[in-house]
Amino acid sequence: MATETVSFLKKNAADLPLNEPLTITQNGKPAYVVESYEQHQRKEQAIALLKLVSFAKSDVANGCVMSSGTLKERLAARKQ
């Protein structure tokens, strides 16, 4: 991950190289991370998928599961 200063960000905001996240420092300390919209979306989708997997594992551990056949039967009964 590349590191640049806030001054660099201000001067080059329109032409930032965003092929990888860019750490922005302020007073010599990391303050911000700038990344492309596509990178941000991929990261958000990965986090959402991990949450779903976590919920599924919890449901299995707590016995909150049913077969696909039971699910189909319940859905068919609601349509009637």
PDB file of N, CA and C in Angstrom:
ATOM      1  N   MET A   1       0.850  -1.167   0.000  1.00  0.00           N
ATOM      2  CA  MET A   1       0.000   0.000   0.000  1.00  0.00           C
ATOM      3  C   MET A   1       0.899   1.234   0.000  1.00  0.00           C
ATOM      4  N   ALA A   2       0.673   2.124  -0.931  1.00  0.00           N
ATOM      5  CA  ALA A   2       1.466   3.346  -1.041  1.00  0.00           C
ATOM      6  C   ALA A   2       1.051   4.337   0.049  1.00  0.00           C
ATOM      7  N   THR A   3       1.974   5.197   0.417  1.00  0.00           N
ATOM      8  CA  THR A   3       1.714   6.209   1.445  1.00  0.00           C
ATOM      9  C   THR A   3       2.083   7.576   0.895  1.00  0.00           C
ATOM     10  N   GLU A   4       1.185   8.533   1.100  1.00  0.00           N
ATOM     11  CA  GLU A   4       1.421   9.915   0.669  1.00  0.00           C
ATOM     12  C   GLU A   4       0.913  10.858   1.739  1.00  0.00           C
ATOM     13  N   THR A   5       1.232  12.141   1.577  1.00  0.00           N
ATOM     14  CA  THR A   5       0.823  13.160   2.533  1.00  0.00           C
ATOM     15  C   THR A   5      -0.498  13.805   2.121  1.00  0.00           C
ATOM     16  N   VAL A   6      -1.086  14.542   3.053  1.00  0.00           N
ATOM     17  CA  VAL A   6      -2.305  15.288   2.750  1.00  0.00           C
ATOM     18  C   VAL A   6      -2.026  16.303   1.653  1.00  0.00           C
ATOM     19  N   SER A   7      -0.861  16.913   1.665  1.00  0.00           N
ATOM     20  CA  SER A   7      -0.499  17.884   0.621  1.00  0.00           C
ATOM     21  C   SER A   7      -0.508  17.228  -0.752  1.00  0.00           C
ATOM     22  N   PHE A   8       0.029  16.021  -0.845  1.00  0.00           N
ATOM     23  CA  PHE A   8       0.010  15.278  -2.108  1.00  0.00           C
ATOM     24  C   PHE A   8      -1.427  15.026  -2.538  1.00  0.00           C
ATOM     25  N   LEU A   9      -2.272  14.640  -1.610  1.00  0.00           N
ATOM     26  CA  LEU A   9      -3.683  14.387  -1.921  1.00  0.00           C
ATOM     27  C   LEU A   9      -4.346  15.644  -2.467  1.00  0.00           C
ATOM     28  N   LYS A  10      -4.119  16.759  -1.840  1.00  0.00           N
ATOM     29  CA  LYS A  10      -4.717  18.020  -2.293  1.00  0.00           C
ATOM     30  C   LYS A  10      -4.245  18.389  -3.703  1.00  0.00           C
ATOM     31  N   LYS A  11      -2.961  18.227  -3.951  1.00  0.00           N
ATOM     32  CA  LYS A  11      -2.407  18.612  -5.252  1.00  0.00           C
ATOM     33  C   LYS A  11      -2.795  17.654  -6.372  1.00  0.00           C
ATOM     34  N   ASN A  12      -2.996  16.384  -6.052  1.00  0.00           N
ATOM     35  CA  ASN A  12      -3.194  15.368  -7.083  1.00  0.00           C
ATOM     36  C   ASN A  12      -4.534  14.647  -6.999  1.00  0.00           C
ATOM     37  N   ALA A  13      -5.502  15.254  -6.364  1.00  0.00           N
ATOM     38  CA  ALA A  13      -6.788  14.574  -6.129  1.00  0.00           C
ATOM     39  C   ALA A  13      -7.433  14.066  -7.418  1.00  0.00           C
ATOM     40  N   ALA A  14      -7.327  14.801  -8.487  1.00  0.00           N
ATOM     41  CA  ALA A  14      -7.967  14.403  -9.745  1.00  0.00           C
ATOM     42  C   ALA A  14      -7.224  13.271 -10.451  1.00  0.00           C
ATOM     43  N   ASP A  15      -5.969  13.076 -10.128  1.00  0.00           N
ATOM     44  CA  ASP A  15      -5.160  12.081 -10.835  1.00  0.00           C
ATOM     45  C   ASP A  15      -4.523  11.052  -9.906  1.00  0.00           C
ATOM     46  N   LEU A  16      -5.202  10.677  -8.851  1.00  0.00           N
ATOM     47  CA  LEU A  16      -4.613   9.730  -7.907  1.00  0.00           C
ATOM     48  C   LEU A  16      -4.466   8.346  -8.532  1.00  0.00           C
ATOM     49  N   PRO A  17      -3.349   7.702  -8.296  1.00  0.00           N
ATOM     50  CA  PRO A  17      -3.179   6.324  -8.768  1.00  0.00           C
ATOM     51  C   PRO A  17      -3.902   5.374  -7.808  1.00  0.00           C
ATOM     52  N   LEU A  18      -5.067   4.890  -8.206  1.00  0.00           N
ATOM     53  CA  LEU A  18      -5.873   4.071  -7.304  1.00  0.00           C
ATOM     54  C   LEU A  18      -5.901   2.597  -7.700  1.00  0.00           C
ATOM     55  N   ASN A  19      -4.795   2.110  -8.251  1.00  0.00           N
ATOM     56  CA  ASN A  19      -4.729   0.686  -8.547  1.00  0.00           C
ATOM     57  C   ASN A  19      -4.594  -0.125  -7.263  1.00  0.00           C
ATOM     58  N   GLU A  20      -4.242   0.528  -6.163  1.00  0.00           N
ATOM     59  CA  GLU A  20      -4.213  -0.069  -4.840  1.00  0.00           C
ATOM     60  C   GLU A  20      -4.586   1.028  -3.831  1.00  0.00           C
ATOM     61  N   PRO A  21      -5.061   0.651  -2.642  1.00  0.00           N
ATOM     62  CA  PRO A  21      -5.400   1.676  -1.647  1.00  0.00           C
ATOM     63  C   PRO A  21      -4.202   2.569  -1.348  1.00  0.00           C
ATOM     64  N   LEU A  22      -4.485   3.814  -1.046  1.00  0.00           N
ATOM     65  CA  LEU A  22      -3.450   4.819  -0.788  1.00  0.00           C
ATOM     66  C   LEU A  22      -3.618   5.340   0.638  1.00  0.00           C
ATOM     67  N   THR A  23      -2.595   5.155   1.475  1.00  0.00           N
ATOM     68  CA  THR A  23      -2.624   5.680   2.839  1.00  0.00           C
ATOM     69  C   THR A  23      -2.192   7.134   2.812  1.00  0.00           C
ATOM     70  N   ILE A  24      -2.994   7.981   3.456  1.00  0.00           N
ATOM     71  CA  ILE A  24      -2.686   9.414   3.526  1.00  0.00           C
ATOM     72  C   ILE A  24      -2.279   9.733   4.956  1.00  0.00           C
ATOM     73  N   THR A  25      -1.116  10.373   5.092  1.00  0.00           N
ATOM     74  CA  THR A  25      -0.635  10.728   6.420  1.00  0.00           C
ATOM     75  C   THR A  25      -0.872  12.209   6.700  1.00  0.00           C
ATOM     76  N   GLN A  26      -1.054  12.487   7.976  1.00  0.00           N
ATOM     77  CA  GLN A  26      -1.200  13.870   8.424  1.00  0.00           C
ATOM     78  C   GLN A  26      -0.304  14.024   9.647  1.00  0.00           C
ATOM     79  N   ASN A  27       0.607  14.965   9.593  1.00  0.00           N
ATOM     80  CA  ASN A  27       1.600  15.150  10.657  1.00  0.00           C
ATOM     81  C   ASN A  27       2.401  13.871  10.907  1.00  0.00           C
ATOM     82  N   GLY A  28       2.690  13.143   9.832  1.00  0.00           N
ATOM     83  CA  GLY A  28       3.514  11.948   9.921  1.00  0.00           C
ATOM     84  C   GLY A  28       2.805  10.692  10.391  1.00  0.00           C
ATOM     85  N   LYS A  29       1.491  10.772  10.643  1.00  0.00           N
ATOM     86  CA  LYS A  29       0.728   9.614  11.121  1.00  0.00           C
ATOM     87  C   LYS A  29      -0.356   9.247  10.119  1.00  0.00           C
ATOM     88  N   PRO A  30      -0.626   7.961   9.926  1.00  0.00           N
ATOM     89  CA  PRO A  30      -1.709   7.565   9.016  1.00  0.00           C
ATOM     90  C   PRO A  30      -3.038   8.173   9.466  1.00  0.00           C
ATOM     91  N   ALA A  31      -3.734   8.808   8.531  1.00  0.00           N
ATOM     92  CA  ALA A  31      -4.996   9.463   8.872  1.00  0.00           C
ATOM     93  C   ALA A  31      -6.157   8.971   8.009  1.00  0.00           C
ATOM     94  N   TYR A  32      -5.903   8.640   6.748  1.00  0.00           N
ATOM     95  CA  TYR A  32      -6.965   8.249   5.824  1.00  0.00           C
ATOM     96  C   TYR A  32      -6.471   7.139   4.904  1.00  0.00           C
ATOM     97  N   VAL A  33      -7.428   6.435   4.322  1.00  0.00           N
ATOM     98  CA  VAL A  33      -7.132   5.495   3.246  1.00  0.00           C
ATOM     99  C   VAL A  33      -8.045   5.855   2.088  1.00  0.00           C
ATOM    100  N   VAL A  34      -7.464   6.057   0.921  1.00  0.00           N
ATOM    101  CA  VAL A  34      -8.224   6.372  -0.284  1.00  0.00           C
ATOM    102  C   VAL A  34      -8.148   5.146  -1.187  1.00  0.00           C
ATOM    103  N   GLU A  35      -9.321   4.704  -1.660  1.00  0.00           N
ATOM    104  CA  GLU A  35      -9.357   3.556  -2.553  1.00  0.00           C
ATOM    105  C   GLU A  35     -10.386   3.806  -3.646  1.00  0.00           C
ATOM    106  N   SER A  36     -10.306   3.041  -4.712  1.00  0.00           N
ATOM    107  CA  SER A  36     -11.255   3.212  -5.806  1.00  0.00           C
ATOM    108  C   SER A  36     -12.642   2.749  -5.361  1.00  0.00           C
ATOM    109  N   TYR A  37     -13.649   3.229  -6.054  1.00  0.00           N
ATOM    110  CA  TYR A  37     -15.023   2.831  -5.759  1.00  0.00           C
ATOM    111  C   TYR A  37     -15.191   1.324  -5.931  1.00  0.00           C
ATOM    112  N   GLU A  38     -14.596   0.756  -6.975  1.00  0.00           N
ATOM    113  CA  GLU A  38     -14.697  -0.681  -7.230  1.00  0.00           C
ATOM    114  C   GLU A  38     -14.076  -1.489  -6.090  1.00  0.00           C
ATOM    115  N   GLN A  39     -12.912  -1.060  -5.591  1.00  0.00           N
ATOM    116  CA  GLN A  39     -12.275  -1.747  -4.468  1.00  0.00           C
ATOM    117  C   GLN A  39     -13.162  -1.684  -3.232  1.00  0.00           C
ATOM    118  N   HIS A  40     -13.750  -0.533  -3.010  1.00  0.00           N
ATOM    119  CA  HIS A  40     -14.631  -0.354  -1.856  1.00  0.00           C
ATOM    120  C   HIS A  40     -15.841  -1.283  -1.956  1.00  0.00           C
ATOM    121  N   GLN A  41     -16.446  -1.359  -3.137  1.00  0.00           N
ATOM    122  CA  GLN A  41     -17.609  -2.218  -3.343  1.00  0.00           C
ATOM    123  C   GLN A  41     -17.250  -3.686  -3.112  1.00  0.00           C
ATOM    124  N   ARG A  42     -16.109  -4.128  -3.637  1.00  0.00           N
ATOM    125  CA  ARG A  42     -15.678  -5.518  -3.440  1.00  0.00           C
ATOM    126  C   ARG A  42     -15.489  -5.826  -1.957  1.00  0.00           C
ATOM    127  N   LYS A  43     -14.893  -4.888  -1.244  1.00  0.00           N
ATOM    128  CA  LYS A  43     -14.668  -5.089   0.184  1.00  0.00           C
ATOM    129  C   LYS A  43     -16.003  -5.175   0.931  1.00  0.00           C
ATOM    130  N   GLU A  44     -16.941  -4.292   0.608  1.00  0.00           N
ATOM    131  CA  GLU A  44     -18.253  -4.308   1.255  1.00  0.00           C
ATOM    132  C   GLU A  44     -18.997  -5.608   0.958  1.00  0.00           C
ATOM    133  N   GLN A  45     -18.904  -6.094  -0.270  1.00  0.00           N
ATOM    134  CA  GLN A  45     -19.563  -7.352  -0.628  1.00  0.00           C
ATOM    135  C   GLN A  45     -18.935  -8.535   0.104  1.00  0.00           C
ATOM    136  N   ALA A  46     -17.624  -8.525   0.254  1.00  0.00           N
ATOM    137  CA  ALA A  46     -16.940  -9.597   0.985  1.00  0.00           C
ATOM    138  C   ALA A  46     -17.363  -9.597   2.446  1.00  0.00           C
ATOM    139  N   ILE A  47     -17.488  -8.427   3.039  1.00  0.00           N
ATOM    140  CA  ILE A  47     -17.921  -8.329   4.434  1.00  0.00           C
ATOM    141  C   ILE A  47     -19.350  -8.840   4.572  1.00  0.00           C
ATOM    142  N   ALA A  48     -20.225  -8.468   3.646  1.00  0.00           N
ATOM    143  CA  ALA A  48     -21.613  -8.937   3.686  1.00  0.00           C
ATOM    144  C   ALA A  48     -21.675 -10.457   3.572  1.00  0.00           C
ATOM    145  N   LEU A  49     -20.871 -11.033   2.700  1.00  0.00           N
ATOM    146  CA  LEU A  49     -20.850 -12.489   2.540  1.00  0.00           C
ATOM    147  C   LEU A  49     -20.361 -13.169   3.820  1.00  0.00           C
ATOM    148  N   LEU A  50     -19.335 -12.621   4.447  1.00  0.00           N
ATOM    149  CA  LEU A  50     -18.838 -13.185   5.707  1.00  0.00           C
ATOM    150  C   LEU A  50     -19.904 -13.121   6.800  1.00  0.00           C
ATOM    151  N   LYS A  51     -20.680 -12.040   6.829  1.00  0.00           N
ATOM    152  CA  LYS A  51     -21.779 -11.937   7.798  1.00  0.00           C
ATOM    153  C   LYS A  51     -22.818 -13.024   7.553  1.00  0.00           C
ATOM    154  N   LEU A  52     -23.174 -13.249   6.286  1.00  0.00           N
ATOM    155  CA  LEU A  52     -24.152 -14.290   5.962  1.00  0.00           C
ATOM    156  C   LEU A  52     -23.644 -15.664   6.387  1.00  0.00           C
ATOM    157  N   VAL A  53     -22.375 -15.948   6.142  1.00  0.00           N
ATOM    158  CA  VAL A  53     -21.794 -17.227   6.542  1.00  0.00           C
ATOM    159  C   VAL A  53     -21.840 -17.362   8.065  1.00  0.00           C
ATOM    160  N   SER A  54     -21.551 -16.286   8.769  1.00  0.00           N
ATOM    161  CA  SER A  54     -21.590 -16.300  10.225  1.00  0.00           C
ATOM    162  C   SER A  54     -23.005 -16.581  10.730  1.00  0.00           C
ATOM    163  N   PHE A  55     -24.009 -15.933  10.118  1.00  0.00           N
ATOM    164  CA  PHE A  55     -25.401 -16.172  10.508  1.00  0.00           C
ATOM    165  C   PHE A  55     -25.783 -17.620  10.239  1.00  0.00           C
ATOM    166  N   ALA A  56     -25.359 -18.156   9.108  1.00  0.00           N
ATOM    167  CA  ALA A  56     -25.681 -19.543   8.755  1.00  0.00           C
ATOM    168  C   ALA A  56     -25.058 -20.511   9.754  1.00  0.00           C
ATOM    169  N   LYS A  57     -23.810 -20.287  10.123  1.00  0.00           N
ATOM    170  CA  LYS A  57     -23.153 -21.156  11.107  1.00  0.00           C
ATOM    171  C   LYS A  57     -23.886 -21.106  12.446  1.00  0.00           C
ATOM    172  N   SER A  58     -24.307 -19.927  12.827  1.00  0.00           N
ATOM    173  CA  SER A  58     -25.049 -19.764  14.082  1.00  0.00           C
ATOM    174  C   SER A  58     -26.375 -20.504  14.022  1.00  0.00           C
ATOM    175  N   ASP A  59     -27.077 -20.393  12.897  1.00  0.00           N
ATOM    176  CA  ASP A  59     -28.353 -21.100  12.732  1.00  0.00           C
ATOM    177  C   ASP A  59     -28.157 -22.605  12.816  1.00  0.00           C
ATOM    178  N   VAL A  60     -27.132 -23.126  12.182  1.00  0.00           N
ATOM    179  CA  VAL A  60     -26.859 -24.565  12.218  1.00  0.00           C
ATOM    180  C   VAL A  60     -26.548 -24.987  13.650  1.00  0.00           C
ATOM    181  N   ALA A  61     -25.716 -24.227  14.345  1.00  0.00           N
ATOM    182  CA  ALA A  61     -25.340 -24.562  15.719  1.00  0.00           C
ATOM    183  C   ALA A  61     -26.554 -24.550  16.649  1.00  0.00           C
ATOM    184  N   ASN A  62     -27.539 -23.681  16.373  1.00  0.00           N
ATOM    185  CA  ASN A  62     -28.731 -23.574  17.210  1.00  0.00           C
ATOM    186  C   ASN A  62     -29.884 -24.450  16.724  1.00  0.00           C
ATOM    187  N   GLY A  63     -29.651 -25.226  15.680  1.00  0.00           N
ATOM    188  CA  GLY A  63     -30.678 -26.120  15.169  1.00  0.00           C
ATOM    189  C   GLY A  63     -31.798 -25.425  14.431  1.00  0.00           C
ATOM    190  N   CYS A  64     -31.566 -24.230  13.953  1.00  0.00           N
ATOM    191  CA  CYS A  64     -32.587 -23.455  13.224  1.00  0.00           C
ATOM    192  C   CYS A  64     -32.450 -23.714  11.724  1.00  0.00           C
ATOM    193  N   VAL A  65     -32.642 -24.955  11.342  1.00  0.00           N
ATOM    194  CA  VAL A  65     -32.509 -25.336   9.936  1.00  0.00           C
ATOM    195  C   VAL A  65     -33.686 -26.221   9.538  1.00  0.00           C
ATOM    196  N   MET A  66     -33.928 -26.318   8.239  1.00  0.00           N
ATOM    197  CA  MET A  66     -34.947 -27.224   7.722  1.00  0.00           C
ATOM    198  C   MET A  66     -34.517 -27.695   6.353  1.00  0.00           C
ATOM    199  N   SER A  67     -35.084 -28.788   5.931  1.00  0.00           N
ATOM    200  CA  SER A  67     -34.737 -29.332   4.620  1.00  0.00           C
ATOM    201  C   SER A  67     -35.373 -28.484   3.525  1.00  0.00           C
ATOM    202  N   SER A  68     -34.861 -28.611   2.324  1.00  0.00           N
ATOM    203  CA  SER A  68     -35.450 -27.865   1.206  1.00  0.00           C
ATOM    204  C   SER A  68     -36.872 -28.340   0.932  1.00  0.00           C
ATOM    205  N   GLY A  69     -37.128 -29.627   1.159  1.00  0.00           N
ATOM    206  CA  GLY A  69     -38.485 -30.155   0.972  1.00  0.00           C
ATOM    207  C   GLY A  69     -39.478 -29.511   1.921  1.00  0.00           C
ATOM    208  N   THR A  70     -39.093 -29.374   3.186  1.00  0.00           N
ATOM    209  CA  THR A  70     -39.958 -28.720   4.175  1.00  0.00           C
ATOM    210  C   THR A  70     -40.193 -27.263   3.799  1.00  0.00           C
ATOM    211  N   LEU A  71     -39.157 -26.594   3.351  1.00  0.00           N
ATOM    212  CA  LEU A  71     -39.298 -25.204   2.933  1.00  0.00           C
ATOM    213  C   LEU A  71     -40.282 -25.080   1.773  1.00  0.00           C
ATOM    214  N   LYS A  72     -40.158 -25.953   0.782  1.00  0.00           N
ATOM    215  CA  LYS A  72     -41.072 -25.930  -0.371  1.00  0.00           C
ATOM    216  C   LYS A  72     -42.509 -26.175   0.075  1.00  0.00           C
ATOM    217  N   GLU A  73     -42.705 -27.102   0.992  1.00  0.00           N
ATOM    218  CA  GLU A  73     -44.052 -27.386   1.494  1.00  0.00           C
ATOM    219  C   GLU A  73     -44.640 -26.165   2.198  1.00  0.00           C
ATOM    220  N   ARG A  74     -43.853 -25.520   3.028  1.00  0.00           N
ATOM    221  CA  ARG A  74     -44.340 -24.333   3.739  1.00  0.00           C
ATOM    222  C   ARG A  74     -44.674 -23.197   2.771  1.00  0.00           C
ATOM    223  N   LEU A  75     -43.830 -23.008   1.777  1.00  0.00           N
ATOM    224  CA  LEU A  75     -44.092 -21.951   0.790  1.00  0.00           C
ATOM    225  C   LEU A  75     -45.356 -22.259  -0.009  1.00  0.00           C
ATOM    226  N   ALA A  76     -45.540 -23.514  -0.391  1.00  0.00           N
ATOM    227  CA  ALA A  76     -46.735 -23.908  -1.142  1.00  0.00           C
ATOM    228  C   ALA A  76     -47.983 -23.717  -0.306  1.00  0.00           C
ATOM    229  N   ALA A  77     -47.898 -24.004   1.001  1.00  0.00           N
ATOM    230  CA  ALA A  77     -49.057 -23.851   1.890  1.00  0.00           C
ATOM    231  C   ALA A  77     -49.443 -22.379   2.043  1.00  0.00           C
ATOM    232  N   ARG A  78     -48.500 -21.494   2.010  1.00  0.00           N
ATOM    233  CA  ARG A  78     -48.784 -20.050   2.139  1.00  0.00           C
ATOM    234  C   ARG A  78     -49.461 -19.497   0.896  1.00  0.00           C
ATOM    235  N   LYS A  79     -49.178 -20.071  -0.247  1.00  0.00           N
ATOM    236  CA  LYS A  79     -49.774 -19.592  -1.510  1.00  0.00           C
ATOM    237  C   LYS A  79     -51.257 -19.906  -1.569  1.00  0.00           C
ATOM    238  N   GLN A  80     -51.687 -20.909  -0.839  1.00  0.00           N
ATOM    239  CA  GLN A  80     -53.083 -21.343  -0.918  1.00  0.00           C
ATOM    240  C   GLN A  80     -53.990 -20.517  -0.083  1.00  0.00           C
TER     241      GLN A  80
END
